[in-house]
Amino acid sequence: MMNRSIVAAAIATAALIGAHAASSLAAQRDDAVYRAAEAHRDSALELLKTIVNIDSGSGDIAGGQQIERVLSGLLQTLGAEVRTVPAEVATVAPNLVAVFHGTGKAKVLIIAHIDTVFGPGTVAKRPFRIEGDHAYGPGVSDEKAGVANAITALQILHQLGFKDYATITLLIDGSEELGSPGSIELIKTLSKQNDVEFNMEPGDPPDALTVWRKGAGDIIMQVRGRTAHAGMVPQNGRNAAVELVHQLASMQGRFPQSGDGPTVNLTVIKAGDRGNIIPDFAQASFDVRFREPSQFDDVLAKMKTGLAPQMVPDTTVTVLSEGSSYPPLTENAQTDALGRRAQAIYGELGRTVTLSGNGGASESAVASSMGTPALDGLGFVGEGLHTDHEWIDLTRVTPRIYLFTRLLMQTCRNPPAK
């Protein structure tokens, strides 16, 4: 058995080391920013509640405009020049651009989106709610929490009188869930004009930033046949739906559906519109995710050459590409450096944030493709995206506000080289 005096000395030494570590941590932490993050937590959640409780599914122009009016008022009170930029296609909500002018040299772009995957009436069925350490609601994590975090950080910079930047530009995208058809050229333009892009997609649990993302594209399989009365002369028809099912069955197991590499997943099937007619047209859509652009082309080629012999005679099967909505965000030294900077800031709180990636595409890949360093996953931590049980982790709200505010400040003072 160890001598009691030795044990006591060891405990005392450990206590001194712990106290020194705590003192060192407190010295490293920016207390003014942390106090502000704590003070703004409730207002950040109140803003989040407000915008979650407005339906804004992709294509819901009125809902998107309603949220943008809320955000525009807040941003104008902070001194931003705010303008509405019409969508590049007529079927989605416009974009909001807010520009803050400072006295420094760095130009920083922040991108967040307000559209969700949920249809009209979703909020009435399941509005914003808090249960324990989680907050729920349609789009709460993807990515209305990111919007709230971005605006809260800008409020803190305003409160602290921080102006050490040339410009900070916030883009509120109205069509990200569709691949940003209403803003893609705007994203490219703004990315080229700025030194760095920060994206407000959610952080992956338990606490991660995103340094790589898969690209996203769609492949369509179409079958054409012949109509006929389904009761009187069905034999005269050529059932496109039956042939499509046959082709889909033959593809089973040919492409990975999950994992870090390329994935192919069947998402939408359409065939027929009346119950008494043999359908002469059927279509299936595939969501393709890829780490390198060439991988999408490989999947398309394999689908085209791998069709099964037709089971329904006199039908034609065509495989075509709708192209990529987003390129992949590939791992690179600039993004990794931004990630390490964020890790050091989180370390000021005695916390650890990991650097990871996922299959969810975003605007950061577009920014990176323009040669602009980009870091993603800077919203609040959340999970269950695109489902009715989507949530954010309330225990990480204050740390995430601190992280993004400090990251903005450090990057404004020391932007990465493009």
Protein backbone atom coordinates (compact mmCIF):
# COMPACT_ATOMS: atom_id res chain seq x y z
CA MET A 1 0.00 0.00 0.00
CA MET A 2 1.30 3.47 -0.91
CA ASN A 3 2.41 5.72 1.92
CA ARG A 4 -0.38 8.15 2.95
CA SER A 5 1.95 11.17 2.89
CA ILE A 6 2.93 10.38 -0.70
CA VAL A 7 -0.75 10.11 -1.68
CA ALA A 8 -1.54 13.41 0.01
CA ALA A 9 1.34 15.11 -1.76
CA ALA A 10 0.21 13.72 -5.12
CA ILE A 11 -3.34 14.97 -4.54
CA ALA A 12 -2.08 18.42 -3.60
CA THR A 13 0.15 18.55 -6.68
CA ALA A 14 -2.74 17.52 -8.93
CA ALA A 15 -4.92 20.20 -7.38
CA LEU A 16 -2.25 22.85 -8.07
CA ILE A 17 -1.89 21.66 -11.67
CA GLY A 18 -5.68 21.76 -12.12
CA ALA A 19 -5.91 25.25 -10.66
CA HIS A 20 -3.09 26.44 -12.94
CA ALA A 21 -4.82 24.91 -15.96
CA ALA A 22 -8.10 26.58 -15.04
CA SER A 23 -6.33 29.91 -14.58
CA SER A 24 -4.60 29.49 -17.93
CA LEU A 25 -7.93 28.66 -19.61
CA ALA A 26 -9.60 31.72 -18.12
CA ALA A 27 -6.74 33.90 -19.36
CA GLN A 28 -7.10 32.54 -22.89
CA ARG A 29 -10.86 32.95 -23.10
CA ASP A 30 -12.18 36.25 -24.40
CA ASP A 31 -14.42 37.08 -21.48
CA ALA A 32 -16.16 39.99 -23.20
CA VAL A 33 -17.22 37.76 -26.07
CA TYR A 34 -18.22 34.93 -23.76
CA ARG A 35 -20.35 37.18 -21.56
CA ALA A 36 -22.01 38.56 -24.69
CA ALA A 37 -22.64 35.04 -26.01
CA GLU A 38 -24.28 34.08 -22.73
CA ALA A 39 -26.35 37.28 -22.69
CA HIS A 40 -27.54 36.77 -26.28
CA ARG A 41 -28.45 33.09 -25.91
CA ASP A 42 -32.11 33.70 -25.10
CA SER A 43 -32.58 36.26 -27.88
CA ALA A 44 -30.92 33.88 -30.34
CA LEU A 45 -33.42 31.18 -29.41
CA GLU A 46 -36.29 33.66 -29.62
CA LEU A 47 -35.21 34.62 -33.13
CA LEU A 48 -34.93 30.95 -33.98
CA LYS A 49 -38.44 30.32 -32.70
CA THR A 50 -39.78 33.21 -34.79
CA ILE A 51 -38.32 32.02 -38.07
CA VAL A 52 -38.95 28.30 -37.47
CA ASN A 53 -42.62 29.15 -36.95
CA ILE A 54 -42.87 30.51 -40.49
CA ASP A 55 -43.34 27.89 -43.20
CA SER A 56 -40.62 28.41 -45.82
CA GLY A 57 -40.26 25.25 -47.85
CA SER A 58 -38.31 25.63 -51.07
CA GLY A 59 -40.62 27.39 -53.51
CA ASP A 60 -42.72 29.01 -50.79
CA ILE A 61 -42.01 32.55 -51.95
CA ALA A 62 -44.35 34.26 -49.49
CA GLY A 63 -42.87 32.39 -46.51
CA GLY A 64 -39.33 33.19 -47.59
CA GLN A 65 -40.18 36.85 -48.01
CA GLN A 66 -41.80 36.96 -44.58
CA ILE A 67 -38.65 35.62 -42.92
CA GLU A 68 -36.48 38.01 -44.93
CA ARG A 69 -38.53 40.96 -43.68
CA VAL A 70 -37.86 39.86 -40.09
CA LEU A 71 -34.14 39.50 -40.75
CA SER A 72 -33.88 42.69 -42.78
CA GLY A 73 -35.19 44.76 -39.88
CA LEU A 74 -32.68 43.23 -37.45
CA LEU A 75 -29.76 43.70 -39.82
CA GLN A 76 -30.63 47.31 -40.56
CA THR A 77 -30.65 48.14 -36.83
CA LEU A 78 -27.04 46.87 -36.75
CA GLY A 79 -26.04 49.31 -39.50
CA ALA A 80 -25.97 46.93 -42.45
CA GLU A 81 -26.77 47.93 -46.01
CA VAL A 82 -29.57 45.50 -46.84
CA ARG A 83 -30.93 44.68 -50.27
CA THR A 84 -33.20 42.07 -51.75
CA VAL A 85 -31.76 40.29 -54.77
CA PRO A 86 -34.36 38.69 -57.07
CA ALA A 87 -34.08 34.94 -57.48
CA GLU A 88 -32.37 33.73 -60.64
CA VAL A 89 -35.42 31.54 -61.36
CA ALA A 90 -39.03 32.57 -60.85
CA THR A 91 -40.11 29.62 -58.70
CA VAL A 92 -38.17 30.29 -55.48
CA ALA A 93 -37.86 33.01 -52.86
CA PRO A 94 -35.53 35.97 -53.44
CA ASN A 95 -32.20 36.36 -51.66
CA LEU A 96 -31.23 38.83 -48.97
CA VAL A 97 -27.79 40.45 -48.93
CA ALA A 98 -26.58 42.49 -45.95
CA VAL A 99 -23.21 44.27 -46.05
CA PHE A 100 -21.40 45.68 -43.00
CA HIS A 101 -18.62 48.21 -43.62
CA GLY A 102 -15.67 48.43 -41.24
CA THR A 103 -12.25 50.04 -41.04
CA GLY A 104 -10.03 47.02 -41.71
CA LYS A 105 -8.93 45.10 -44.82
CA ALA A 106 -10.55 41.65 -44.73
CA LYS A 107 -13.65 40.77 -46.72
CA VAL A 108 -15.71 37.98 -45.17
CA LEU A 109 -18.73 36.22 -46.66
CA ILE A 110 -21.29 34.36 -44.52
CA ILE A 111 -23.90 32.18 -46.22
CA ALA A 112 -27.05 30.81 -44.60
CA HIS A 113 -30.31 29.58 -46.07
CA ILE A 114 -33.91 29.90 -44.94
CA ASP A 115 -35.67 27.38 -47.19
CA THR A 116 -36.57 23.95 -45.81
CA VAL A 117 -37.74 20.64 -47.26
CA PHE A 118 -41.15 20.91 -45.59
CA GLY A 119 -44.43 21.85 -47.26
CA PRO A 120 -47.09 24.41 -46.34
CA GLY A 121 -48.90 23.74 -43.06
CA THR A 122 -46.01 21.92 -41.39
CA VAL A 123 -45.54 24.58 -38.71
CA ALA A 124 -49.20 24.31 -37.69
CA LYS A 125 -48.69 20.60 -37.05
CA ARG A 126 -45.39 20.82 -35.19
CA PRO A 127 -44.24 24.33 -34.28
CA PHE A 128 -41.01 25.17 -32.47
CA ARG A 129 -40.81 23.50 -29.09
CA ILE A 130 -38.23 22.79 -26.40
CA GLU A 131 -38.02 19.46 -24.63
CA GLY A 132 -35.15 19.06 -22.19
CA ASP A 133 -31.86 19.88 -23.90
CA HIS A 134 -33.28 19.78 -27.42
CA ALA A 135 -35.29 22.23 -29.53
CA TYR A 136 -37.48 20.87 -32.33
CA GLY A 137 -39.31 22.24 -35.35
CA PRO A 138 -39.26 22.20 -39.17
CA GLY A 139 -35.86 23.45 -40.33
CA VAL A 140 -34.72 24.16 -36.77
CA SER A 141 -31.27 22.78 -37.49
CA ASP A 142 -31.14 22.85 -41.29
CA GLU A 143 -30.58 25.62 -41.15
CA LYS A 144 -32.57 28.22 -39.30
CA ALA A 145 -30.35 27.79 -36.26
CA GLY A 146 -27.42 28.74 -38.49
CA VAL A 147 -29.25 31.92 -39.48
CA ALA A 148 -29.81 32.73 -35.80
CA ASN A 149 -26.16 32.05 -34.96
CA ALA A 150 -24.89 34.28 -37.78
CA ILE A 151 -27.09 37.22 -36.83
CA THR A 152 -26.31 36.80 -33.13
CA ALA A 153 -22.57 36.94 -33.84
CA LEU A 154 -23.10 40.10 -35.89
CA GLN A 155 -25.08 41.60 -33.00
CA ILE A 156 -22.20 40.86 -30.64
CA LEU A 157 -19.65 42.46 -32.99
CA HIS A 158 -21.89 45.54 -33.14
CA GLN A 159 -22.24 45.60 -29.35
CA LEU A 160 -18.46 45.33 -28.88
CA GLY A 161 -17.78 48.00 -31.50
CA PHE A 162 -15.67 45.59 -33.55
CA LYS A 163 -14.89 47.12 -36.96
CA ASP A 164 -11.59 45.48 -37.92
CA TYR A 165 -12.76 44.39 -41.38
CA ALA A 166 -13.40 45.97 -44.76
CA THR A 167 -16.74 44.23 -45.22
CA ILE A 168 -18.74 41.41 -43.75
CA THR A 169 -21.40 40.20 -46.17
CA LEU A 170 -24.28 37.99 -45.10
CA LEU A 171 -26.13 36.17 -47.87
CA ILE A 172 -29.50 34.65 -46.98
CA ASP A 173 -30.15 32.05 -49.67
CA GLY A 174 -33.78 31.24 -50.52
CA SER A 175 -33.32 27.98 -52.44
CA GLU A 176 -30.42 25.93 -51.05
CA GLU A 177 -32.43 22.73 -50.64
CA LEU A 178 -32.97 22.67 -54.43
CA GLY A 179 -29.31 23.29 -55.20
CA SER A 180 -29.58 27.12 -55.04
CA PRO A 181 -31.12 27.63 -58.49
CA GLY A 182 -32.19 31.10 -57.38
CA SER A 183 -28.76 32.19 -56.18
CA ILE A 184 -25.97 30.14 -57.77
CA GLU A 185 -24.53 33.00 -59.85
CA LEU A 186 -24.85 35.37 -56.89
CA ILE A 187 -22.91 32.91 -54.72
CA LYS A 188 -20.14 32.70 -57.30
CA THR A 189 -19.93 36.48 -57.62
CA LEU A 190 -19.84 37.13 -53.89
CA SER A 191 -17.34 34.32 -53.32
CA LYS A 192 -14.91 35.85 -55.80
CA GLN A 193 -15.26 39.23 -54.09
CA ASN A 194 -14.42 37.92 -50.60
CA ASP A 195 -11.37 36.49 -48.86
CA VAL A 196 -13.19 33.67 -47.05
CA GLU A 197 -16.62 32.06 -46.81
CA PHE A 198 -18.26 30.72 -43.65
CA ASN A 199 -21.31 28.50 -44.03
CA MET A 200 -23.98 28.15 -41.36
CA GLU A 201 -25.07 24.56 -41.92
CA PRO A 202 -25.47 22.62 -38.64
CA GLY A 203 -22.57 21.01 -36.87
CA ASP A 204 -22.69 17.22 -36.73
CA PRO A 205 -23.11 15.62 -33.27
CA PRO A 206 -21.51 15.42 -30.86
CA ASP A 207 -19.68 18.58 -31.99
CA ALA A 208 -18.04 18.85 -35.40
CA LEU A 209 -17.20 21.32 -38.15
CA THR A 210 -17.43 20.34 -41.79
CA VAL A 211 -14.28 20.39 -43.91
CA TRP A 212 -15.53 18.18 -46.76
CA ARG A 213 -18.87 17.58 -48.39
CA LYS A 214 -20.08 15.40 -51.18
CA GLY A 215 -21.36 16.94 -54.37
CA ALA A 216 -24.96 16.28 -55.35
CA GLY A 217 -26.57 15.45 -58.67
CA ASP A 218 -29.62 13.69 -60.09
CA ILE A 219 -29.92 10.88 -62.61
CA ILE A 220 -33.27 10.08 -64.22
CA MET A 221 -34.43 6.77 -65.68
CA GLN A 222 -37.37 7.08 -68.07
CA VAL A 223 -39.45 4.37 -69.71
CA ARG A 224 -41.87 4.96 -72.59
CA GLY A 225 -44.50 2.43 -73.59
CA ARG A 226 -48.02 2.49 -75.00
CA THR A 227 -51.41 3.35 -73.46
CA ALA A 228 -54.46 1.09 -73.59
CA HIS A 229 -57.74 0.62 -71.73
CA ALA A 230 -56.78 -1.29 -68.60
CA GLY A 231 -60.04 -3.28 -68.56
CA MET A 232 -61.00 -3.88 -72.17
CA VAL A 233 -57.73 -4.28 -74.12
CA PRO A 234 -54.80 -4.21 -71.68
CA GLN A 235 -52.88 -6.52 -74.01
CA ASN A 236 -52.65 -3.66 -76.53
CA GLY A 237 -50.70 -1.57 -74.06
CA ARG A 238 -47.02 -1.62 -73.19
CA ASN A 239 -46.78 -0.98 -69.47
CA ALA A 240 -43.98 1.51 -68.78
CA ALA A 241 -44.38 1.11 -65.01
CA VAL A 242 -43.81 -2.66 -65.17
CA GLU A 243 -40.67 -2.18 -67.24
CA LEU A 244 -39.39 0.48 -64.85
CA VAL A 245 -39.88 -1.83 -61.86
CA HIS A 246 -38.01 -4.54 -63.77
CA GLN A 247 -35.07 -2.22 -64.42
CA LEU A 248 -34.98 -1.02 -60.82
CA ALA A 249 -34.95 -4.60 -59.54
CA SER A 250 -32.01 -5.40 -61.80
CA MET A 251 -30.04 -2.50 -60.28
CA GLN A 252 -30.45 -3.70 -56.72
CA GLY A 253 -27.09 -3.86 -54.97
CA ARG A 254 -25.07 -2.42 -57.85
CA PHE A 255 -24.34 0.95 -56.18
CA PRO A 256 -23.52 1.82 -52.53
CA GLN A 257 -26.38 3.53 -50.72
CA SER A 258 -24.36 4.79 -47.76
CA GLY A 259 -20.79 5.47 -46.71
CA ASP A 260 -18.11 8.09 -47.28
CA GLY A 261 -17.71 7.26 -50.98
CA PRO A 262 -20.16 7.78 -53.87
CA THR A 263 -23.77 6.83 -53.07
CA VAL A 264 -26.84 6.30 -55.23
CA ASN A 265 -30.34 6.33 -53.76
CA LEU A 266 -33.74 6.00 -55.41
CA THR A 267 -35.91 8.92 -54.31
CA VAL A 268 -38.98 9.52 -56.54
CA ILE A 269 -41.01 7.21 -58.79
CA LYS A 270 -43.76 8.45 -61.11
CA ALA A 271 -46.06 6.42 -63.34
CA GLY A 272 -49.60 6.87 -64.61
CA ASP A 273 -52.28 9.33 -63.60
CA ARG A 274 -55.50 7.33 -64.04
CA GLY A 275 -56.50 4.00 -62.61
CA ASN A 276 -58.05 2.60 -65.79
CA ILE A 277 -55.21 3.27 -68.25
CA ILE A 278 -52.04 1.26 -68.88
CA PRO A 279 -49.29 3.86 -68.27
CA ASP A 280 -47.17 4.75 -71.28
CA PHE A 281 -44.59 6.68 -69.23
CA ALA A 282 -42.71 6.00 -65.99
CA GLN A 283 -39.77 7.70 -64.35
CA ALA A 284 -37.44 7.15 -61.43
CA SER A 285 -35.09 9.71 -59.88
CA PHE A 286 -31.79 8.88 -58.21
CA ASP A 287 -29.93 11.11 -55.78
CA VAL A 288 -26.19 10.73 -56.44
CA ARG A 289 -23.56 11.95 -53.99
CA PHE A 290 -19.85 11.99 -54.83
CA ARG A 291 -16.48 13.06 -53.45
CA GLU A 292 -14.94 13.81 -56.87
CA PRO A 293 -16.75 15.12 -59.99
CA SER A 294 -15.56 12.16 -62.06
CA GLN A 295 -17.45 9.80 -59.76
CA PHE A 296 -20.79 11.22 -60.91
CA ASP A 297 -19.82 10.57 -64.53
CA ASP A 298 -18.82 6.99 -63.60
CA VAL A 299 -22.22 6.31 -62.02
CA LEU A 300 -24.04 7.73 -65.04
CA ALA A 301 -22.00 5.61 -67.45
CA LYS A 302 -22.58 2.43 -65.43
CA MET A 303 -26.32 3.04 -65.31
CA LYS A 304 -26.49 3.55 -69.06
CA THR A 305 -24.47 0.47 -69.93
CA GLY A 306 -25.94 -1.72 -67.20
CA LEU A 307 -29.60 -1.74 -68.23
CA ALA A 308 -31.24 -5.15 -68.09
CA PRO A 309 -32.78 -6.78 -71.20
CA GLN A 310 -36.30 -5.41 -71.54
CA MET A 311 -39.08 -7.50 -70.06
CA VAL A 312 -41.95 -5.51 -71.62
CA PRO A 313 -41.61 -5.53 -75.42
CA ASP A 314 -41.81 -2.32 -77.43
CA THR A 315 -40.74 -0.12 -74.52
CA THR A 316 -37.73 2.16 -74.53
CA VAL A 317 -35.53 2.88 -71.52
CA THR A 318 -33.45 6.05 -71.28
CA VAL A 319 -30.99 7.14 -68.59
CA LEU A 320 -30.13 10.82 -68.49
CA SER A 321 -28.45 13.30 -66.19
CA GLU A 322 -29.95 16.44 -64.73
CA GLY A 323 -26.41 17.46 -63.82
CA SER A 324 -24.87 18.43 -60.51
CA SER A 325 -26.58 20.96 -58.29
CA TYR A 326 -23.46 21.39 -56.14
CA PRO A 327 -19.84 20.36 -56.65
CA PRO A 328 -18.10 18.54 -53.82
CA LEU A 329 -16.27 20.47 -51.13
CA THR A 330 -12.93 18.70 -51.32
CA GLU A 331 -10.43 18.60 -48.50
CA ASN A 332 -7.72 21.23 -48.89
CA ALA A 333 -5.07 23.01 -46.87
CA GLN A 334 -6.96 26.31 -46.64
CA THR A 335 -10.10 24.74 -45.19
CA ASP A 336 -8.05 22.62 -42.80
CA ALA A 337 -6.26 25.75 -41.57
CA LEU A 338 -9.58 27.45 -40.88
CA GLY A 339 -10.70 24.33 -39.06
CA ARG A 340 -7.61 24.33 -36.86
CA ARG A 341 -8.20 27.99 -36.05
CA ALA A 342 -11.74 27.14 -34.95
CA GLN A 343 -10.45 24.23 -32.86
CA ALA A 344 -8.07 26.54 -31.03
CA ILE A 345 -10.90 28.97 -30.29
CA TYR A 346 -13.10 26.17 -28.94
CA GLY A 347 -10.17 25.09 -26.81
CA GLU A 348 -10.42 28.44 -25.04
CA LEU A 349 -13.63 27.07 -23.52
CA GLY A 350 -12.04 23.74 -22.64
CA ARG A 351 -14.06 22.14 -25.44
CA THR A 352 -13.11 20.01 -28.43
CA VAL A 353 -14.58 20.33 -31.90
CA THR A 354 -13.70 17.74 -34.53
CA LEU A 355 -13.23 18.24 -38.27
CA SER A 356 -15.31 15.90 -40.40
CA GLY A 357 -17.48 15.65 -43.50
CA ASN A 358 -20.78 14.27 -44.74
CA GLY A 359 -22.96 13.65 -47.76
CA GLY A 360 -25.01 16.83 -47.42
CA ALA A 361 -24.19 19.34 -50.15
CA SER A 362 -24.08 23.10 -49.55
CA GLU A 363 -23.06 26.49 -50.95
CA SER A 364 -19.60 26.23 -49.37
CA ALA A 365 -18.60 23.90 -52.19
CA VAL A 366 -19.51 26.59 -54.72
CA ALA A 367 -17.46 29.16 -52.83
CA SER A 368 -14.50 26.80 -52.67
CA SER A 369 -14.76 26.08 -56.39
CA MET A 370 -14.26 29.83 -56.94
CA GLY A 371 -10.93 29.65 -55.11
CA THR A 372 -12.30 31.09 -51.86
CA PRO A 373 -11.32 29.31 -48.61
CA ALA A 374 -14.48 27.94 -46.98
CA LEU A 375 -15.43 26.42 -43.64
CA ASP A 376 -18.80 24.77 -43.05
CA GLY A 377 -20.90 23.44 -40.20
CA LEU A 378 -20.86 26.66 -38.15
CA GLY A 379 -24.50 26.60 -37.11
CA PHE A 380 -25.70 25.00 -33.89
CA VAL A 381 -25.20 21.27 -33.38
CA GLY A 382 -28.16 19.26 -34.61
CA GLU A 383 -29.40 16.05 -36.16
CA GLY A 384 -32.46 14.46 -37.77
CA LEU A 385 -32.26 16.79 -40.75
CA HIS A 386 -35.13 16.55 -43.28
CA THR A 387 -37.27 14.57 -40.82
CA ASP A 388 -40.09 15.31 -38.38
CA HIS A 389 -37.73 14.79 -35.43
CA GLU A 390 -35.04 17.32 -36.39
CA TRP A 391 -33.41 18.93 -33.37
CA ILE A 392 -30.63 21.16 -32.05
CA ASP A 393 -28.57 20.68 -28.90
CA LEU A 394 -29.34 23.53 -26.51
CA THR A 395 -26.31 22.79 -24.31
CA ARG A 396 -24.01 23.89 -27.13
CA VAL A 397 -25.78 27.11 -28.12
CA THR A 398 -23.61 29.48 -26.07
CA PRO A 399 -20.32 27.76 -27.02
CA ARG A 400 -21.28 27.83 -30.69
CA ILE A 401 -22.15 31.54 -30.53
CA TYR A 402 -18.78 32.17 -28.89
CA LEU A 403 -16.98 30.03 -31.47
CA PHE A 404 -18.43 31.79 -34.49
CA THR A 405 -18.06 35.29 -33.06
CA ARG A 406 -14.41 34.73 -32.17
CA LEU A 407 -13.76 33.04 -35.51
CA LEU A 408 -15.14 36.07 -37.30
CA MET A 409 -12.95 38.40 -35.25
CA GLN A 410 -9.77 36.40 -35.76
CA THR A 411 -10.39 35.93 -39.47
CA CYS A 412 -11.16 39.60 -39.98
CA ARG A 413 -7.82 40.46 -38.38
CA ASN A 414 -5.92 37.70 -40.18
CA PRO A 415 -7.74 36.49 -43.32
CA PRO A 416 -6.43 33.48 -45.26
CA ALA A 417 -4.62 34.05 -48.54
CA LYS A 418 -6.71 33.09 -51.57
